[in-house]
Amino acid sequence: MKKIKLIALAMVLFGAINFLSGCALMLVGGLAGTTGYLAAKQGYGVQSPVTKK
């Protein structure tokens, strides 16, 4: 009985870690997008460092 509870707890923890890591990636992506949008609104731009002569 104790072994079944331990396995169930491990499965719940594994699922929670996967869920939280996905949310963290979405949060970081949203913050990066917002920062880029606000920087572009203030006049900042991106220039490619690759040039061809």
PDB file of N, CA and C in Angstrom:
ATOM      1  N   MET A   1       0.821  -1.193   0.000  1.00  0.00           N
ATOM      2  CA  MET A   1       0.000   0.000   0.000  1.00  0.00           C
ATOM      3  C   MET A   1       0.866   1.258   0.000  1.00  0.00           C
ATOM      4  N   LYS A   2       1.927   1.243   0.774  1.00  0.00           N
ATOM      5  CA  LYS A   2       2.811   2.402   0.850  1.00  0.00           C
ATOM      6  C   LYS A   2       3.525   2.625  -0.490  1.00  0.00           C
ATOM      7  N   LYS A   3       3.852   1.526  -1.173  1.00  0.00           N
ATOM      8  CA  LYS A   3       4.539   1.623  -2.462  1.00  0.00           C
ATOM      9  C   LYS A   3       3.636   2.264  -3.515  1.00  0.00           C
ATOM     10  N   ILE A   4       2.334   1.951  -3.480  1.00  0.00           N
ATOM     11  CA  ILE A   4       1.378   2.516  -4.437  1.00  0.00           C
ATOM     12  C   ILE A   4       1.243   4.026  -4.213  1.00  0.00           C
ATOM     13  N   LYS A   5       1.208   4.452  -2.945  1.00  0.00           N
ATOM     14  CA  LYS A   5       1.125   5.878  -2.640  1.00  0.00           C
ATOM     15  C   LYS A   5       2.373   6.607  -3.121  1.00  0.00           C
ATOM     16  N   LEU A   6       3.516   5.994  -2.961  1.00  0.00           N
ATOM     17  CA  LEU A   6       4.764   6.603  -3.406  1.00  0.00           C
ATOM     18  C   LEU A   6       4.791   6.747  -4.927  1.00  0.00           C
ATOM     19  N   ILE A   7       4.335   5.735  -5.634  1.00  0.00           N
ATOM     20  CA  ILE A   7       4.284   5.794  -7.099  1.00  0.00           C
ATOM     21  C   ILE A   7       3.290   6.865  -7.552  1.00  0.00           C
ATOM     22  N   ALA A   8       2.141   6.955  -6.895  1.00  0.00           N
ATOM     23  CA  ALA A   8       1.139   7.966  -7.244  1.00  0.00           C
ATOM     24  C   ALA A   8       1.680   9.367  -6.999  1.00  0.00           C
ATOM     25  N   LEU A   9       2.372   9.561  -5.893  1.00  0.00           N
ATOM     26  CA  LEU A   9       2.968  10.861  -5.586  1.00  0.00           C
ATOM     27  C   LEU A   9       4.020  11.236  -6.623  1.00  0.00           C
ATOM     28  N   ALA A  10       4.837  10.267  -7.025  1.00  0.00           N
ATOM     29  CA  ALA A  10       5.857  10.530  -8.044  1.00  0.00           C
ATOM     30  C   ALA A  10       5.212  10.930  -9.370  1.00  0.00           C
ATOM     31  N   MET A  11       4.120  10.280  -9.739  1.00  0.00           N
ATOM     32  CA  MET A  11       3.438  10.619 -10.992  1.00  0.00           C
ATOM     33  C   MET A  11       2.837  12.024 -10.932  1.00  0.00           C
ATOM     34  N   VAL A  12       2.253  12.390  -9.794  1.00  0.00           N
ATOM     35  CA  VAL A  12       1.679  13.727  -9.637  1.00  0.00           C
ATOM     36  C   VAL A  12       2.779  14.787  -9.707  1.00  0.00           C
ATOM     37  N   LEU A  13       3.891  14.552  -9.031  1.00  0.00           N
ATOM     38  CA  LEU A  13       5.000  15.504  -9.065  1.00  0.00           C
ATOM     39  C   LEU A  13       5.569  15.648 -10.471  1.00  0.00           C
ATOM     40  N   PHE A  14       5.711  14.542 -11.178  1.00  0.00           N
ATOM     41  CA  PHE A  14       6.217  14.583 -12.548  1.00  0.00           C
ATOM     42  C   PHE A  14       5.290  15.400 -13.445  1.00  0.00           C
ATOM     43  N   GLY A  15       3.997  15.199 -13.313  1.00  0.00           N
ATOM     44  CA  GLY A  15       3.029  15.964 -14.101  1.00  0.00           C
ATOM     45  C   GLY A  15       3.063  17.440 -13.759  1.00  0.00           C
ATOM     46  N   ALA A  16       3.183  17.763 -12.474  1.00  0.00           N
ATOM     47  CA  ALA A  16       3.227  19.166 -12.052  1.00  0.00           C
ATOM     48  C   ALA A  16       4.477  19.857 -12.580  1.00  0.00           C
ATOM     49  N   ILE A  17       5.604  19.169 -12.555  1.00  0.00           N
ATOM     50  CA  ILE A  17       6.851  19.762 -13.059  1.00  0.00           C
ATOM     51  C   ILE A  17       6.737  20.027 -14.550  1.00  0.00           C
ATOM     52  N   ASN A  18       6.167  19.097 -15.306  1.00  0.00           N
ATOM     53  CA  ASN A  18       5.985  19.305 -16.745  1.00  0.00           C
ATOM     54  C   ASN A  18       5.053  20.480 -17.014  1.00  0.00           C
ATOM     55  N   PHE A  19       3.973  20.597 -16.251  1.00  0.00           N
ATOM     56  CA  PHE A  19       3.031  21.687 -16.444  1.00  0.00           C
ATOM     57  C   PHE A  19       3.683  23.028 -16.141  1.00  0.00           C
ATOM     58  N   LEU A  20       4.416  23.099 -15.035  1.00  0.00           N
ATOM     59  CA  LEU A  20       5.018  24.368 -14.637  1.00  0.00           C
ATOM     60  C   LEU A  20       6.134  24.786 -15.596  1.00  0.00           C
ATOM     61  N   SER A  21       6.897  23.840 -16.110  1.00  0.00           N
ATOM     62  CA  SER A  21       7.961  24.218 -17.044  1.00  0.00           C
ATOM     63  C   SER A  21       7.356  24.744 -18.342  1.00  0.00           C
ATOM     64  N   GLY A  22       6.237  24.198 -18.779  1.00  0.00           N
ATOM     65  CA  GLY A  22       5.564  24.704 -19.970  1.00  0.00           C
ATOM     66  C   GLY A  22       5.051  26.115 -19.758  1.00  0.00           C
ATOM     67  N   CYS A  23       4.502  26.371 -18.581  1.00  0.00           N
ATOM     68  CA  CYS A  23       4.008  27.714 -18.268  1.00  0.00           C
ATOM     69  C   CYS A  23       5.161  28.709 -18.198  1.00  0.00           C
ATOM     70  N   ALA A  24       6.288  28.267 -17.664  1.00  0.00           N
ATOM     71  CA  ALA A  24       7.436  29.160 -17.582  1.00  0.00           C
ATOM     72  C   ALA A  24       7.928  29.537 -18.983  1.00  0.00           C
ATOM     73  N   LEU A  25       7.943  28.581 -19.898  1.00  0.00           N
ATOM     74  CA  LEU A  25       8.363  28.891 -21.264  1.00  0.00           C
ATOM     75  C   LEU A  25       7.404  29.871 -21.930  1.00  0.00           C
ATOM     76  N   MET A  26       6.117  29.690 -21.703  1.00  0.00           N
ATOM     77  CA  MET A  26       5.137  30.619 -22.277  1.00  0.00           C
ATOM     78  C   MET A  26       5.301  32.015 -21.678  1.00  0.00           C
ATOM     79  N   LEU A  27       5.581  32.103 -20.389  1.00  0.00           N
ATOM     80  CA  LEU A  27       5.763  33.390 -19.730  1.00  0.00           C
ATOM     81  C   LEU A  27       6.991  34.112 -20.269  1.00  0.00           C
ATOM     82  N   VAL A  28       8.100  33.402 -20.415  1.00  0.00           N
ATOM     83  CA  VAL A  28       9.326  34.005 -20.948  1.00  0.00           C
ATOM     84  C   VAL A  28       9.120  34.450 -22.393  1.00  0.00           C
ATOM     85  N   GLY A  29       8.443  33.644 -23.183  1.00  0.00           N
ATOM     86  CA  GLY A  29       8.153  34.024 -24.564  1.00  0.00           C
ATOM     87  C   GLY A  29       7.287  35.268 -24.649  1.00  0.00           C
ATOM     88  N   GLY A  30       6.294  35.355 -23.796  1.00  0.00           N
ATOM     89  CA  GLY A  30       5.434  36.533 -23.762  1.00  0.00           C
ATOM     90  C   GLY A  30       6.187  37.782 -23.352  1.00  0.00           C
ATOM     91  N   LEU A  31       7.050  37.656 -22.358  1.00  0.00           N
ATOM     92  CA  LEU A  31       7.847  38.808 -21.929  1.00  0.00           C
ATOM     93  C   LEU A  31       8.809  39.263 -23.022  1.00  0.00           C
ATOM     94  N   ALA A  32       9.415  38.319 -23.715  1.00  0.00           N
ATOM     95  CA  ALA A  32      10.344  38.677 -24.796  1.00  0.00           C
ATOM     96  C   ALA A  32       9.597  39.373 -25.932  1.00  0.00           C
ATOM     97  N   GLY A  33       8.427  38.881 -26.276  1.00  0.00           N
ATOM     98  CA  GLY A  33       7.639  39.510 -27.329  1.00  0.00           C
ATOM     99  C   GLY A  33       7.207  40.917 -26.959  1.00  0.00           C
ATOM    100  N   THR A  34       6.776  41.087 -25.718  1.00  0.00           N
ATOM    101  CA  THR A  34       6.357  42.413 -25.254  1.00  0.00           C
ATOM    102  C   THR A  34       7.528  43.387 -25.250  1.00  0.00           C
ATOM    103  N   THR A  35       8.679  42.926 -24.797  1.00  0.00           N
ATOM    104  CA  THR A  35       9.866  43.781 -24.778  1.00  0.00           C
ATOM    105  C   THR A  35      10.257  44.201 -26.183  1.00  0.00           C
ATOM    106  N   GLY A  36      10.233  43.270 -27.115  1.00  0.00           N
ATOM    107  CA  GLY A  36      10.552  43.594 -28.504  1.00  0.00           C
ATOM    108  C   GLY A  36       9.570  44.582 -29.102  1.00  0.00           C
ATOM    109  N   TYR A  37       8.300  44.417 -28.792  1.00  0.00           N
ATOM    110  CA  TYR A  37       7.270  45.326 -29.305  1.00  0.00           C
ATOM    111  C   TYR A  37       7.480  46.731 -28.756  1.00  0.00           C
ATOM    112  N   LEU A  38       7.719  46.838 -27.446  1.00  0.00           N
ATOM    113  CA  LEU A  38       7.914  48.156 -26.841  1.00  0.00           C
ATOM    114  C   LEU A  38       9.192  48.825 -27.347  1.00  0.00           C
ATOM    115  N   ALA A  39      10.248  48.048 -27.573  1.00  0.00           N
ATOM    116  CA  ALA A  39      11.487  48.614 -28.098  1.00  0.00           C
ATOM    117  C   ALA A  39      11.279  49.126 -29.526  1.00  0.00           C
ATOM    118  N   ALA A  40      10.562  48.382 -30.342  1.00  0.00           N
ATOM    119  CA  ALA A  40      10.291  48.815 -31.715  1.00  0.00           C
ATOM    120  C   ALA A  40       9.415  50.064 -31.717  1.00  0.00           C
ATOM    121  N   LYS A  41       8.508  50.164 -30.770  1.00  0.00           N
ATOM    122  CA  LYS A  41       7.632  51.331 -30.678  1.00  0.00           C
ATOM    123  C   LYS A  41       8.431  52.593 -30.344  1.00  0.00           C
ATOM    124  N   GLN A  42       9.540  52.435 -29.618  1.00  0.00           N
ATOM    125  CA  GLN A  42      10.378  53.573 -29.251  1.00  0.00           C
ATOM    126  C   GLN A  42      11.437  53.874 -30.309  1.00  0.00           C
ATOM    127  N   GLY A  43      11.458  53.140 -31.402  1.00  0.00           N
ATOM    128  CA  GLY A  43      12.361  53.454 -32.495  1.00  0.00           C
ATOM    129  C   GLY A  43      13.550  52.528 -32.649  1.00  0.00           C
ATOM    130  N   TYR A  44      13.685  51.559 -31.781  1.00  0.00           N
ATOM    131  CA  TYR A  44      14.786  50.612 -31.919  1.00  0.00           C
ATOM    132  C   TYR A  44      14.468  49.629 -33.039  1.00  0.00           C
ATOM    133  N   GLY A  45      15.511  49.164 -33.724  1.00  0.00           N
ATOM    134  CA  GLY A  45      15.309  48.214 -34.800  1.00  0.00           C
ATOM    135  C   GLY A  45      16.358  47.128 -34.775  1.00  0.00           C
ATOM    136  N   VAL A  46      16.160  46.150 -35.609  1.00  0.00           N
ATOM    137  CA  VAL A  46      17.097  45.030 -35.705  1.00  0.00           C
ATOM    138  C   VAL A  46      17.784  45.115 -37.057  1.00  0.00           C
ATOM    139  N   GLN A  47      19.090  44.971 -37.034  1.00  0.00           N
ATOM    140  CA  GLN A  47      19.876  44.998 -38.259  1.00  0.00           C
ATOM    141  C   GLN A  47      20.644  43.700 -38.375  1.00  0.00           C
ATOM    142  N   SER A  48      20.600  43.099 -39.517  1.00  0.00           N
ATOM    143  CA  SER A  48      21.302  41.845 -39.709  1.00  0.00           C
ATOM    144  C   SER A  48      22.805  42.092 -39.773  1.00  0.00           C
ATOM    145  N   PRO A  49      23.588  41.309 -39.057  1.00  0.00           N
ATOM    146  CA  PRO A  49      25.044  41.494 -39.104  1.00  0.00           C
ATOM    147  C   PRO A  49      25.680  40.902 -40.360  1.00  0.00           C
ATOM    148  N   VAL A  50      24.927  40.157 -41.167  1.00  0.00           N
ATOM    149  CA  VAL A  50      25.471  39.514 -42.351  1.00  0.00           C
ATOM    150  C   VAL A  50      25.389  40.493 -43.511  1.00  0.00           C
ATOM    151  N   THR A  51      26.521  40.713 -44.155  1.00  0.00           N
ATOM    152  CA  THR A  51      26.539  41.602 -45.310  1.00  0.00           C
ATOM    153  C   THR A  51      27.166  40.894 -46.485  1.00  0.00           C
ATOM    154  N   LYS A  52      26.828  41.329 -47.679  1.00  0.00           N
ATOM    155  CA  LYS A  52      27.382  40.748 -48.882  1.00  0.00           C
ATOM    156  C   LYS A  52      27.935  41.870 -49.743  1.00  0.00           C
ATOM    157  N   LYS A  53      29.168  41.694 -50.193  1.00  0.00           N
ATOM    158  CA  LYS A  53      29.797  42.726 -51.014  1.00  0.00           C
ATOM    159  C   LYS A  53      29.840  42.301 -52.465  1.00  0.00           C
TER     160      LYS A  53
END
